Amino acid sequence: MRFSITALLALAVALFGLGGSSAEAGWEEALDTLVAAPDDAEVEALIADVLDYAPSWQEVAARIRSTAFPPADQVGQAVLRTTVCIDTVERPWVLQIPQDYDPSVPTPLLVVLHGGVGTAEVYDDPLGYVAEDEFGAVALDRGWISVFPFGQAGATWWDEVGMTNIRNLVRTVKRELNVDDDRVWMAGFSDGASAGFAHAMLAPSDYAAFAALNGHMGVASLDGDLPAYAPNMSATPIFATTTFDDGLYPSYRMRRSIEMARDAGADIYYREFPGGHDFDGVKDELPAVARFLERHPRDPFPSRIVWETGSADFGECRWFAIDRVTTDEPAPWHEDHNVALVDDRITIGFQADYEFEGRGILVGVLSDGDYPARNIGLRAGDVIVKADGARLDSLPDLNEWKGTVERGDAFEMTVLREGGEVVLRGELPEAAGHFIFKRDVPSAAVRAGFAANRLEVAASRVGSFRLLVHPDMVVLDQNLVIDVNGDIVFDDIVQPDLEFMLESYLENRDRSLLYVAEVVIELQ
């Protein structure tokens, strides 16, 4: 019996594992298990399984980028899910997958944030909310995936619980669906818009662009005590609107903050319209918003980054991260971009229960601080039915009454309490000025430019920083040179680190940003 050489080789491979195919299959299977693992998996052991096979970082990167996703269930509709947030509270969220979703094609993702995030209770009908949401309708029409987190007091869009929830939900969707990492956008109205400004200044790396309709860029600083800085909005473009008669954020007031931010380098496309604090005033802009978002995919490796932070928790933008802030004198170019606004809004100081269906306005929770609500003795559970004798059946009636009074006026409110009517009297505070951003801590700032394997950094109050290294930026077989304020602080070859690459990927679930190493620079 005669055998061909090819047949003999095939027999040898089958019998003895010659040719290395079993080892290759081993690391691929281990990597696929790691990539598909849920967030609570023991990833250290799974990473060790991959490393034991010693594949090259190039092989691993290629396989991650070509991850195969299974077909999605329940396409063309909204699906209610829940997640346990870092405060151990379970909260709902909604995932909406377009009808024509193809798991083999990277698909844009829109993160939609609702307004009224400071209420005591989470929306009791998330699916009903999404069914009526205009942003969600745009996403379905455009063939985008959309995700709707739901927040509340203690889990707002500018506190640790709420921001972490948003981040984790984006990563959950990226693990399950073929998301286009360079076309992840955030949009919202009112508090959702204020959150867009906040993420642009604090944590923009996931996002290609933001849509902020009738928001306030200072809310994360004023209400969330977060270190927000206008120059950071140069990293990610923002489509912003205001309306002339908005009772919270009217154009005449917000215009000054937009001008200040644009002078600081912010990339804001800004428009003003007639109307109040009502989505109807800006909903006709949604086609323009959609076109704006589609015109702005993310540049994962911008050649220049300007970033400022008062906390290492918010020090990272794309490939650069400030890890330590000092109290040194700032550099001459490191100036504070801020603006004083006169606060003449009529704010009572409570969050209404939006689910209340009776006559009047049910007080859900009182706002912290020196507000009229606390001064006149308003309580959670009161139902406001009159203001200065005018009947109030709903929140629009309250907003209409606000237009009839000014700061410094005396006023009275009639509430239903314990089965009877109670009249509460007080005065609205005088108009006061305040800066749009708090400045409670020193900040560090950088202007970093990258070209030809050379990073040049102008640094102010920076104690240490990290450069995240990607082979699309750094030629790995050539020395990387880092110049800080005119001094060479690094001049060496950067060695890829497969373990770091895997840990980084699991942290951000971003196939476009498969960083292979990091360079840590200690300045003082």
Protein backbone atom coordinates (compact mmCIF):
# COMPACT_ATOMS: atom_id res chain seq x y z
CA MET A 1 0.00 0.00 0.00
CA ARG A 2 1.40 3.36 -0.98
CA PHE A 3 0.75 6.70 0.84
CA SER A 4 1.41 10.19 -0.41
CA ILE A 5 3.57 12.55 1.62
CA THR A 6 0.50 14.72 2.28
CA ALA A 7 -1.45 11.77 3.65
CA LEU A 8 1.44 10.74 5.89
CA LEU A 9 1.76 14.26 7.30
CA ALA A 10 -1.97 14.43 7.95
CA LEU A 11 -1.79 11.08 9.77
CA ALA A 12 1.13 12.28 11.89
CA VAL A 13 -0.70 15.47 12.88
CA ALA A 14 -3.80 13.50 13.82
CA LEU A 15 -1.83 10.95 15.89
CA PHE A 16 0.83 13.11 17.52
CA GLY A 17 -0.43 16.73 17.33
CA LEU A 18 2.42 17.78 15.03
CA GLY A 19 2.28 21.18 13.39
CA GLY A 20 1.24 23.19 16.48
CA SER A 21 -2.49 23.27 15.72
CA SER A 22 -3.56 22.06 19.17
CA ALA A 23 -1.59 24.82 20.90
CA GLU A 24 -3.11 27.40 18.56
CA ALA A 25 -6.58 26.06 19.19
CA GLY A 26 -5.81 26.13 22.92
CA TRP A 27 -5.03 29.83 23.18
CA GLU A 28 -7.84 30.77 20.84
CA GLU A 29 -10.34 28.84 22.92
CA ALA A 30 -8.95 30.34 26.14
CA LEU A 31 -9.15 33.84 24.66
CA ASP A 32 -12.70 33.34 23.40
CA THR A 33 -13.72 32.22 26.90
CA LEU A 34 -12.05 35.29 28.40
CA VAL A 35 -13.67 37.73 25.94
CA ALA A 36 -17.14 36.27 26.50
CA ALA A 37 -16.79 36.10 30.29
CA PRO A 38 -19.29 38.11 32.33
CA ASP A 39 -18.07 41.05 34.38
CA ASP A 40 -18.10 39.08 37.63
CA ALA A 41 -15.94 36.23 36.27
CA GLU A 42 -12.54 35.34 37.76
CA VAL A 43 -10.69 37.03 34.94
CA GLU A 44 -7.23 36.63 36.48
CA ALA A 45 -7.42 32.87 36.02
CA LEU A 46 -8.80 33.25 32.50
CA ILE A 47 -5.99 35.66 31.56
CA ALA A 48 -3.47 33.19 32.98
CA ASP A 49 -4.96 30.47 30.75
CA VAL A 50 -4.27 32.60 27.68
CA LEU A 51 -0.76 33.57 28.80
CA ASP A 52 0.17 29.92 29.41
CA TYR A 53 -0.01 29.32 25.66
CA ALA A 54 2.31 32.31 24.98
CA PRO A 55 0.61 33.60 21.83
CA SER A 56 1.97 36.80 20.32
CA TRP A 57 0.23 40.05 21.14
CA GLN A 58 -0.39 40.52 17.40
CA GLU A 59 -2.29 37.23 17.23
CA VAL A 60 -4.36 38.08 20.27
CA ALA A 61 -5.14 41.60 19.03
CA ALA A 62 -6.23 40.28 15.65
CA ARG A 63 -8.55 37.73 17.23
CA ILE A 64 -10.11 40.28 19.60
CA ARG A 65 -10.73 42.66 16.70
CA SER A 66 -12.42 39.85 14.74
CA THR A 67 -14.61 38.65 17.64
CA ALA A 68 -17.66 36.81 16.32
CA PHE A 69 -20.98 37.79 17.92
CA PRO A 70 -24.07 35.59 18.03
CA PRO A 71 -27.39 36.74 16.53
CA ALA A 72 -29.33 39.06 18.82
CA ASP A 73 -32.71 38.23 20.31
CA GLN A 74 -35.68 40.60 20.24
CA VAL A 75 -34.42 42.88 17.48
CA GLY A 76 -36.53 45.89 16.59
CA GLN A 77 -37.87 46.30 20.10
CA ALA A 78 -36.98 47.51 23.58
CA VAL A 79 -35.94 44.94 26.17
CA LEU A 80 -36.17 45.63 29.91
CA ARG A 81 -33.23 44.43 31.97
CA THR A 82 -31.82 45.10 35.43
CA THR A 83 -28.37 45.64 36.84
CA VAL A 84 -26.97 45.81 40.36
CA CYS A 85 -25.15 49.10 40.82
CA ILE A 86 -22.10 49.63 43.01
CA ASP A 87 -24.37 50.74 45.89
CA THR A 88 -25.90 47.19 45.72
CA VAL A 89 -29.24 48.60 44.52
CA GLU A 90 -30.84 46.86 41.54
CA ARG A 91 -31.99 49.32 38.87
CA PRO A 92 -33.65 48.88 35.49
CA TRP A 93 -32.20 49.66 32.11
CA VAL A 94 -33.48 49.21 28.59
CA LEU A 95 -31.67 47.89 25.51
CA GLN A 96 -33.05 48.59 22.07
CA ILE A 97 -31.66 46.74 19.04
CA PRO A 98 -32.56 47.86 15.50
CA GLN A 99 -34.53 45.55 13.24
CA ASP A 100 -31.72 45.22 10.71
CA TYR A 101 -28.95 44.55 13.25
CA ASP A 102 -26.28 42.31 11.70
CA PRO A 103 -23.91 40.69 14.24
CA SER A 104 -21.15 40.65 11.63
CA VAL A 105 -21.23 44.44 11.17
CA PRO A 106 -20.05 46.98 13.80
CA THR A 107 -23.10 49.05 14.74
CA PRO A 108 -23.29 52.54 16.32
CA LEU A 109 -24.47 52.82 19.91
CA LEU A 110 -26.45 55.72 21.39
CA VAL A 111 -26.55 56.16 25.18
CA VAL A 112 -29.73 58.07 26.10
CA LEU A 113 -29.97 59.76 29.51
CA HIS A 114 -33.31 60.95 30.86
CA GLY A 115 -34.07 64.20 32.68
CA GLY A 116 -35.28 64.57 36.24
CA VAL A 117 -32.56 62.27 37.51
CA GLY A 118 -32.72 63.62 41.06
CA THR A 119 -36.14 62.17 41.87
CA ALA A 120 -36.45 59.80 44.79
CA GLU A 121 -37.79 56.89 42.76
CA VAL A 122 -36.72 55.29 39.50
CA TYR A 123 -39.25 55.41 36.66
CA ASP A 124 -41.79 52.66 37.32
CA ASP A 125 -42.42 52.06 33.59
CA PRO A 126 -39.07 52.16 31.80
CA LEU A 127 -40.43 50.46 28.69
CA GLY A 128 -43.24 53.01 28.48
CA TYR A 129 -40.70 55.80 28.77
CA VAL A 130 -38.54 54.37 25.99
CA ALA A 131 -41.55 53.79 23.75
CA GLU A 132 -42.21 57.55 23.79
CA ASP A 133 -38.59 58.72 23.74
CA GLU A 134 -37.67 60.68 20.63
CA PHE A 135 -33.96 59.81 20.81
CA GLY A 136 -34.84 56.11 20.86
CA ALA A 137 -37.00 56.54 17.78
CA VAL A 138 -34.12 58.22 15.96
CA ALA A 139 -31.82 55.35 16.92
CA LEU A 140 -34.21 52.72 15.55
CA ASP A 141 -34.72 54.71 12.36
CA ARG A 142 -30.96 55.08 11.82
CA GLY A 143 -30.16 51.46 12.64
CA TRP A 144 -28.31 52.26 15.87
CA ILE A 145 -28.29 50.25 19.06
CA SER A 146 -29.53 52.34 22.00
CA VAL A 147 -29.21 51.89 25.75
CA PHE A 148 -31.25 53.69 28.41
CA PRO A 149 -29.90 53.73 31.98
CA PHE A 150 -32.34 54.85 34.69
CA GLY A 151 -31.12 56.92 37.60
CA GLN A 152 -32.44 58.57 40.74
CA ALA A 153 -31.23 60.56 43.73
CA GLY A 154 -28.07 58.82 44.90
CA ALA A 155 -27.49 57.44 41.41
CA THR A 156 -27.47 60.57 39.28
CA TRP A 157 -25.55 61.16 36.08
CA TRP A 158 -22.84 63.04 38.03
CA ASP A 159 -22.19 60.87 41.05
CA GLU A 160 -20.08 57.75 41.38
CA VAL A 161 -23.00 55.33 41.38
CA GLY A 162 -24.69 56.76 38.31
CA MET A 163 -21.56 57.36 36.27
CA THR A 164 -20.25 53.88 37.01
CA ASN A 165 -23.61 52.42 36.00
CA ILE A 166 -23.47 54.16 32.62
CA ARG A 167 -19.92 52.95 32.06
CA ASN A 168 -20.76 49.37 33.01
CA LEU A 169 -23.84 49.23 30.80
CA VAL A 170 -21.83 50.40 27.80
CA ARG A 171 -19.36 47.59 28.46
CA THR A 172 -22.15 45.05 28.89
CA VAL A 173 -23.61 45.97 25.51
CA LYS A 174 -20.15 45.82 23.91
CA ARG A 175 -19.62 42.34 25.28
CA GLU A 176 -22.91 41.07 23.87
CA LEU A 177 -23.31 42.99 20.61
CA ASN A 178 -21.06 44.10 17.76
CA VAL A 179 -20.73 47.76 18.71
CA ASP A 180 -18.73 50.17 16.58
CA ASP A 181 -16.32 51.50 19.20
CA ASP A 182 -15.70 54.67 17.24
CA ARG A 183 -19.41 55.49 16.95
CA VAL A 184 -20.62 55.52 20.52
CA TRP A 185 -22.60 58.68 21.28
CA MET A 186 -24.44 60.14 24.28
CA ALA A 187 -27.59 62.23 24.09
CA GLY A 188 -30.07 63.73 26.51
CA PHE A 189 -32.42 66.56 27.40
CA SER A 190 -32.30 68.65 30.61
CA ASP A 191 -30.41 66.56 33.21
CA GLY A 192 -29.48 64.17 30.40
CA ALA A 193 -27.95 67.10 28.53
CA SER A 194 -26.11 68.32 31.61
CA ALA A 195 -24.68 64.81 31.83
CA GLY A 196 -23.40 65.08 28.26
CA PHE A 197 -21.41 68.17 29.20
CA ALA A 198 -20.18 66.36 32.33
CA HIS A 199 -18.94 63.29 30.48
CA ALA A 200 -17.25 65.47 27.87
CA MET A 201 -15.27 67.18 30.65
CA LEU A 202 -14.69 64.18 32.91
CA ALA A 203 -14.75 60.86 31.04
CA PRO A 204 -14.98 61.22 27.25
CA SER A 205 -12.82 58.31 26.10
CA ASP A 206 -15.75 56.03 25.21
CA TYR A 207 -17.56 58.64 23.17
CA ALA A 208 -17.33 60.12 19.70
CA ALA A 209 -19.76 63.02 20.26
CA PHE A 210 -22.48 64.31 22.58
CA ALA A 211 -25.92 65.86 22.07
CA ALA A 212 -26.86 68.15 24.98
CA LEU A 213 -30.30 69.71 24.52
CA ASN A 214 -31.24 72.35 27.09
CA GLY A 215 -28.68 71.41 29.70
CA HIS A 216 -26.24 73.23 31.99
CA MET A 217 -22.53 72.48 31.75
CA GLY A 218 -21.92 73.37 35.39
CA VAL A 219 -24.34 70.91 37.03
CA ALA A 220 -21.72 68.19 37.59
CA SER A 221 -19.58 70.74 39.43
CA LEU A 222 -22.29 72.65 41.29
CA ASP A 223 -24.46 69.69 42.26
CA GLY A 224 -22.00 66.81 41.99
CA ASP A 225 -18.86 68.50 43.37
CA LEU A 226 -16.89 67.12 40.42
CA PRO A 227 -13.80 68.88 38.99
CA ALA A 228 -15.09 70.09 35.61
CA TYR A 229 -12.97 72.16 33.20
CA ALA A 230 -14.10 73.77 29.97
CA PRO A 231 -10.89 73.13 27.91
CA ASN A 232 -11.59 69.39 28.16
CA MET A 233 -14.52 69.83 25.79
CA SER A 234 -11.99 70.26 23.00
CA ALA A 235 -11.57 66.46 22.98
CA THR A 236 -15.11 65.53 21.91
CA PRO A 237 -17.61 67.59 19.87
CA ILE A 238 -20.95 68.59 21.40
CA PHE A 239 -24.24 69.57 19.75
CA ALA A 240 -25.93 71.92 22.25
CA THR A 241 -29.22 73.82 22.28
CA THR A 242 -31.02 76.24 24.58
CA THR A 243 -34.42 77.91 24.37
CA PHE A 244 -35.20 81.55 25.02
CA ASP A 245 -37.82 81.12 27.76
CA ASP A 246 -36.46 78.04 29.48
CA GLY A 247 -37.33 78.46 33.15
CA LEU A 248 -34.18 76.61 34.21
CA TYR A 249 -31.52 77.31 31.59
CA PRO A 250 -32.62 80.18 29.34
CA SER A 251 -30.54 81.12 26.33
CA TYR A 252 -29.55 84.53 27.68
CA ARG A 253 -27.90 82.90 30.69
CA MET A 254 -26.43 79.79 29.08
CA ARG A 255 -25.01 81.74 26.14
CA ARG A 256 -22.30 83.23 28.36
CA SER A 257 -21.11 79.81 29.49
CA ILE A 258 -21.05 78.52 25.92
CA GLU A 259 -18.99 81.52 24.82
CA MET A 260 -16.57 81.01 27.72
CA ALA A 261 -16.16 77.32 26.88
CA ARG A 262 -15.58 77.97 23.19
CA ASP A 263 -12.96 80.59 24.07
CA ALA A 264 -11.30 77.85 26.15
CA GLY A 265 -11.17 75.58 23.09
CA ALA A 266 -14.42 73.60 23.52
CA ASP A 267 -15.81 72.08 20.33
CA ILE A 268 -19.47 73.08 20.73
CA TYR A 269 -21.99 73.45 17.90
CA TYR A 270 -24.61 75.69 19.53
CA ARG A 271 -28.15 76.68 18.53
CA GLU A 272 -30.96 78.69 20.19
CA PHE A 273 -34.74 78.42 19.68
CA PRO A 274 -38.02 79.82 20.99
CA GLY A 275 -39.67 77.83 23.76
CA GLY A 276 -39.44 76.85 27.39
CA HIS A 277 -37.91 73.93 29.26
CA ASP A 278 -39.82 71.48 27.11
CA PHE A 279 -38.54 68.92 24.62
CA ASP A 280 -41.12 70.13 22.10
CA GLY A 281 -39.03 73.26 21.65
CA VAL A 282 -36.05 71.35 20.28
CA LYS A 283 -37.40 68.02 18.98
CA ASP A 284 -37.41 69.36 15.41
CA GLU A 285 -33.63 69.45 15.73
CA LEU A 286 -33.34 65.67 16.07
CA PRO A 287 -32.61 65.04 12.35
CA ALA A 288 -29.81 67.62 12.57
CA VAL A 289 -28.58 65.99 15.79
CA ALA A 290 -28.48 62.59 14.07
CA ARG A 291 -26.54 64.00 11.12
CA PHE A 292 -24.13 65.73 13.50
CA LEU A 293 -23.44 62.49 15.38
CA GLU A 294 -22.91 60.52 12.19
CA ARG A 295 -20.50 63.18 10.93
CA HIS A 296 -18.39 62.75 14.07
CA PRO A 297 -16.88 59.31 14.55
CA ARG A 298 -14.29 59.13 17.26
CA ASP A 299 -10.63 59.69 16.53
CA PRO A 300 -9.12 57.17 18.98
CA PHE A 301 -5.60 58.55 18.49
CA PRO A 302 -5.77 62.35 18.24
CA SER A 303 -2.36 63.88 17.68
CA ARG A 304 -3.05 66.52 20.35
CA ILE A 305 -4.74 66.32 23.75
CA VAL A 306 -5.55 69.21 26.09
CA TRP A 307 -6.71 67.99 29.49
CA GLU A 308 -7.20 69.39 32.96
CA THR A 309 -8.30 67.68 36.16
CA GLY A 310 -8.44 68.20 39.89
CA SER A 311 -8.59 64.46 40.57
CA ALA A 312 -6.80 61.39 39.23
CA ASP A 313 -10.24 59.75 39.07
CA PHE A 314 -10.92 61.93 36.04
CA GLY A 315 -7.39 62.23 34.69
CA GLU A 316 -7.71 60.05 31.58
CA CYS A 317 -8.50 61.22 28.07
CA ARG A 318 -7.89 58.78 25.22
CA TRP A 319 -4.17 57.82 25.37
CA PHE A 320 -3.07 60.21 28.15
CA ALA A 321 -3.78 60.07 31.89
CA ILE A 322 -2.86 62.47 34.69
CA ASP A 323 -2.29 60.32 37.78
CA ARG A 324 -1.23 62.85 40.39
CA VAL A 325 -1.98 66.54 40.95
CA THR A 326 0.46 68.76 42.84
CA THR A 327 -0.02 72.07 44.63
CA ASP A 328 2.82 73.83 42.79
CA GLU A 329 2.39 77.22 41.20
CA PRO A 330 0.60 76.77 37.85
CA ALA A 331 2.41 77.39 34.58
CA PRO A 332 1.81 80.84 33.03
CA TRP A 333 -0.42 79.31 30.35
CA HIS A 334 -2.50 77.38 32.92
CA GLU A 335 -5.43 79.74 33.44
CA ASP A 336 -8.86 79.09 34.88
CA HIS A 337 -11.71 79.20 32.39
CA ASN A 338 -14.86 80.05 34.32
CA VAL A 339 -17.70 82.54 34.20
CA ALA A 340 -19.91 84.18 36.79
CA LEU A 341 -23.64 83.90 36.16
CA VAL A 342 -26.43 85.78 37.89
CA ASP A 343 -28.83 83.19 39.26
CA ASP A 344 -32.29 84.71 38.97
CA ARG A 345 -34.06 81.40 38.46
CA ILE A 346 -37.11 80.71 40.54
CA THR A 347 -36.15 77.48 42.26
CA ILE A 348 -38.27 76.16 45.11
CA GLY A 349 -35.89 73.33 45.99
CA PHE A 350 -37.65 69.99 45.63
CA GLN A 351 -37.95 67.12 43.20
CA ALA A 352 -41.48 66.22 42.17
CA ASP A 353 -42.76 62.67 42.00
CA TYR A 354 -43.34 62.41 38.25
CA GLU A 355 -45.43 59.25 38.62
CA PHE A 356 -48.09 61.02 40.70
CA GLU A 357 -51.38 61.09 38.77
CA GLY A 358 -53.60 63.10 41.09
CA ARG A 359 -54.30 66.82 41.08
CA GLY A 360 -51.37 68.95 42.19
CA ILE A 361 -47.66 68.27 42.50
CA LEU A 362 -46.45 65.57 44.88
CA VAL A 363 -43.19 66.51 46.61
CA GLY A 364 -40.82 63.55 46.28
CA VAL A 365 -37.63 64.75 47.94
CA LEU A 366 -36.31 68.11 49.16
CA SER A 367 -33.09 69.40 47.65
CA ASP A 368 -30.10 69.81 49.93
CA GLY A 369 -29.16 73.41 50.65
CA ASP A 370 -30.72 76.73 51.59
CA TYR A 371 -33.80 76.59 49.38
CA PRO A 372 -37.26 78.14 49.88
CA ALA A 373 -38.83 74.68 50.21
CA ARG A 374 -36.97 73.99 53.44
CA ASN A 375 -37.36 77.56 54.69
CA ILE A 376 -41.15 77.51 54.41
CA GLY A 377 -41.47 74.01 55.89
CA LEU A 378 -42.38 72.05 52.78
CA ARG A 379 -42.21 68.28 53.38
CA ALA A 380 -41.76 65.20 51.26
CA GLY A 381 -45.24 63.80 50.69
CA ASP A 382 -46.94 67.21 50.53
CA VAL A 383 -49.12 67.82 47.48
CA ILE A 384 -48.82 71.43 46.27
CA VAL A 385 -52.20 72.64 44.97
CA LYS A 386 -51.85 76.44 44.95
CA ALA A 387 -49.17 79.14 44.67
CA ASP A 388 -50.17 82.70 45.59
CA GLY A 389 -53.77 81.58 45.21
CA ALA A 390 -53.27 80.28 41.66
CA ARG A 391 -54.46 76.69 41.20
CA LEU A 392 -51.68 74.21 40.39
CA ASP A 393 -52.81 70.98 38.78
CA SER A 394 -49.43 69.89 37.38
CA LEU A 395 -45.80 70.88 36.93
CA PRO A 396 -46.52 73.08 33.87
CA ASP A 397 -48.82 75.14 36.11
CA LEU A 398 -45.99 75.55 38.62
CA ASN A 399 -43.61 76.65 35.86
CA GLU A 400 -46.20 79.16 34.63
CA TRP A 401 -46.52 80.60 38.14
CA LYS A 402 -42.73 80.93 38.36
CA GLY A 403 -42.92 83.29 35.38
CA THR A 404 -45.09 85.69 37.40
CA VAL A 405 -42.69 86.18 40.34
CA GLU A 406 -39.17 87.47 40.81
CA ARG A 407 -36.34 86.87 43.24
CA GLY A 408 -36.99 88.65 46.54
CA ASP A 409 -40.81 88.39 46.27
CA ALA A 410 -42.91 87.09 49.13
CA PHE A 411 -44.99 84.04 48.20
CA GLU A 412 -47.26 81.41 49.66
CA MET A 413 -48.02 77.82 48.80
CA THR A 414 -51.03 75.75 49.72
CA VAL A 415 -50.38 72.05 50.23
CA LEU A 416 -52.44 69.00 51.09
CA ARG A 417 -51.01 67.35 54.19
CA GLU A 418 -52.50 64.65 56.40
CA GLY A 419 -55.96 65.15 54.98
CA GLY A 420 -56.08 68.93 55.29
CA GLU A 421 -54.83 72.11 53.64
CA VAL A 422 -51.78 73.91 55.01
CA VAL A 423 -50.62 77.35 53.85
CA LEU A 424 -46.84 77.91 53.84
CA ARG A 425 -45.37 81.39 53.50
CA GLY A 426 -41.90 82.74 52.80
CA GLU A 427 -39.71 84.80 50.49
CA LEU A 428 -37.77 83.90 47.40
CA PRO A 429 -34.04 84.59 47.82
CA GLU A 430 -32.52 87.64 46.20
CA ALA A 431 -30.77 87.10 42.87
CA ALA A 432 -27.18 86.01 43.42
CA GLY A 433 -24.10 85.52 41.32
CA HIS A 434 -22.09 82.33 41.20
CA PHE A 435 -19.40 80.78 39.06
CA ILE A 436 -20.48 78.02 36.74
CA PHE A 437 -17.71 75.73 38.05
CA LYS A 438 -16.65 75.26 41.65
CA ARG A 439 -12.94 75.56 42.32
CA ASP A 440 -12.34 73.73 45.59
CA VAL A 441 -9.12 71.90 44.64
CA PRO A 442 -5.99 72.70 42.60
CA SER A 443 -5.93 71.31 39.09
CA ALA A 444 -3.26 69.83 36.86
CA ALA A 445 -3.24 70.56 33.15
CA VAL A 446 -1.41 69.27 30.09
CA ARG A 447 -1.03 70.12 26.46
CA ALA A 448 0.27 66.97 24.83
CA GLY A 449 1.25 66.54 21.19
CA PHE A 450 2.34 63.34 19.47
CA ALA A 451 4.27 62.85 16.22
CA ALA A 452 7.07 60.63 14.87
CA ASN A 453 7.48 58.55 18.05
CA ARG A 454 7.87 61.70 20.09
CA LEU A 455 5.50 62.98 22.76
CA GLU A 456 5.89 66.60 23.78
CA VAL A 457 4.06 67.61 26.95
CA ALA A 458 3.56 71.02 28.47
CA ALA A 459 2.63 70.11 32.04
CA SER A 460 1.38 72.23 34.92
CA ARG A 461 0.98 70.82 38.45
CA VAL A 462 1.39 67.29 37.13
CA GLY A 463 3.10 64.96 39.58
CA SER A 464 2.86 61.86 37.39
CA PHE A 465 1.17 60.72 34.20
CA ARG A 466 0.76 57.69 31.96
CA LEU A 467 1.00 57.29 28.23
CA LEU A 468 -1.13 54.44 26.87
CA VAL A 469 0.75 52.87 23.96
CA HIS A 470 -0.96 51.61 20.83
CA PRO A 471 0.92 50.30 17.76
CA ASP A 472 -1.06 52.67 15.52
CA MET A 473 0.62 55.53 17.40
CA VAL A 474 4.02 54.20 18.38
CA VAL A 475 6.46 52.36 16.13
CA LEU A 476 7.37 49.67 18.62
CA ASP A 477 10.84 48.84 17.30
CA GLN A 478 11.94 52.49 17.55
CA ASN A 479 12.70 54.52 20.66
CA LEU A 480 9.80 56.45 22.11
CA VAL A 481 10.89 59.91 23.24
CA ILE A 482 8.91 61.84 25.85
CA ASP A 483 9.71 65.52 26.39
CA VAL A 484 8.10 67.29 29.36
CA ASN A 485 8.52 71.05 29.58
CA GLY A 486 11.69 70.84 27.49
CA ASP A 487 13.33 67.93 29.36
CA ILE A 488 13.66 64.40 27.95
CA VAL A 489 12.16 62.10 30.60
CA PHE A 490 11.97 58.90 28.52
CA ASP A 491 13.95 57.64 25.51
CA ASP A 492 13.64 53.89 25.03
CA ILE A 493 11.96 51.01 23.24
CA VAL A 494 8.51 50.12 24.62
CA GLN A 495 7.99 46.39 25.02
CA PRO A 496 4.45 45.11 24.43
CA ASP A 497 2.86 43.48 27.46
CA LEU A 498 0.19 40.92 26.59
CA GLU A 499 -1.14 40.72 30.14
CA PHE A 500 -1.56 44.50 30.24
CA MET A 501 -3.30 44.46 26.85
CA LEU A 502 -5.81 41.87 28.04
CA GLU A 503 -6.48 43.66 31.34
CA SER A 504 -6.91 46.96 29.53
CA TYR A 505 -9.32 45.42 27.04
CA LEU A 506 -11.47 43.89 29.76
CA GLU A 507 -11.54 47.26 31.50
CA ASN A 508 -12.82 49.20 28.51
CA ARG A 509 -14.17 46.54 26.09
CA ASP A 510 -12.88 48.73 23.27
CA ARG A 511 -11.52 46.83 20.26
CA SER A 512 -10.29 50.07 18.69
CA LEU A 513 -8.15 50.84 21.74
CA LEU A 514 -6.13 47.68 22.27
CA TYR A 515 -3.28 49.34 24.14
CA VAL A 516 -0.24 47.07 24.32
CA ALA A 517 1.66 48.85 27.10
CA GLU A 518 1.76 51.90 29.30
CA VAL A 519 4.64 54.23 30.14
CA VAL A 520 4.48 55.77 33.61
CA ILE A 521 6.33 59.03 34.14
CA GLU A 522 7.00 60.33 37.65
CA LEU A 523 7.85 64.01 37.56
CA GLN A 524 8.09 64.66 41.31
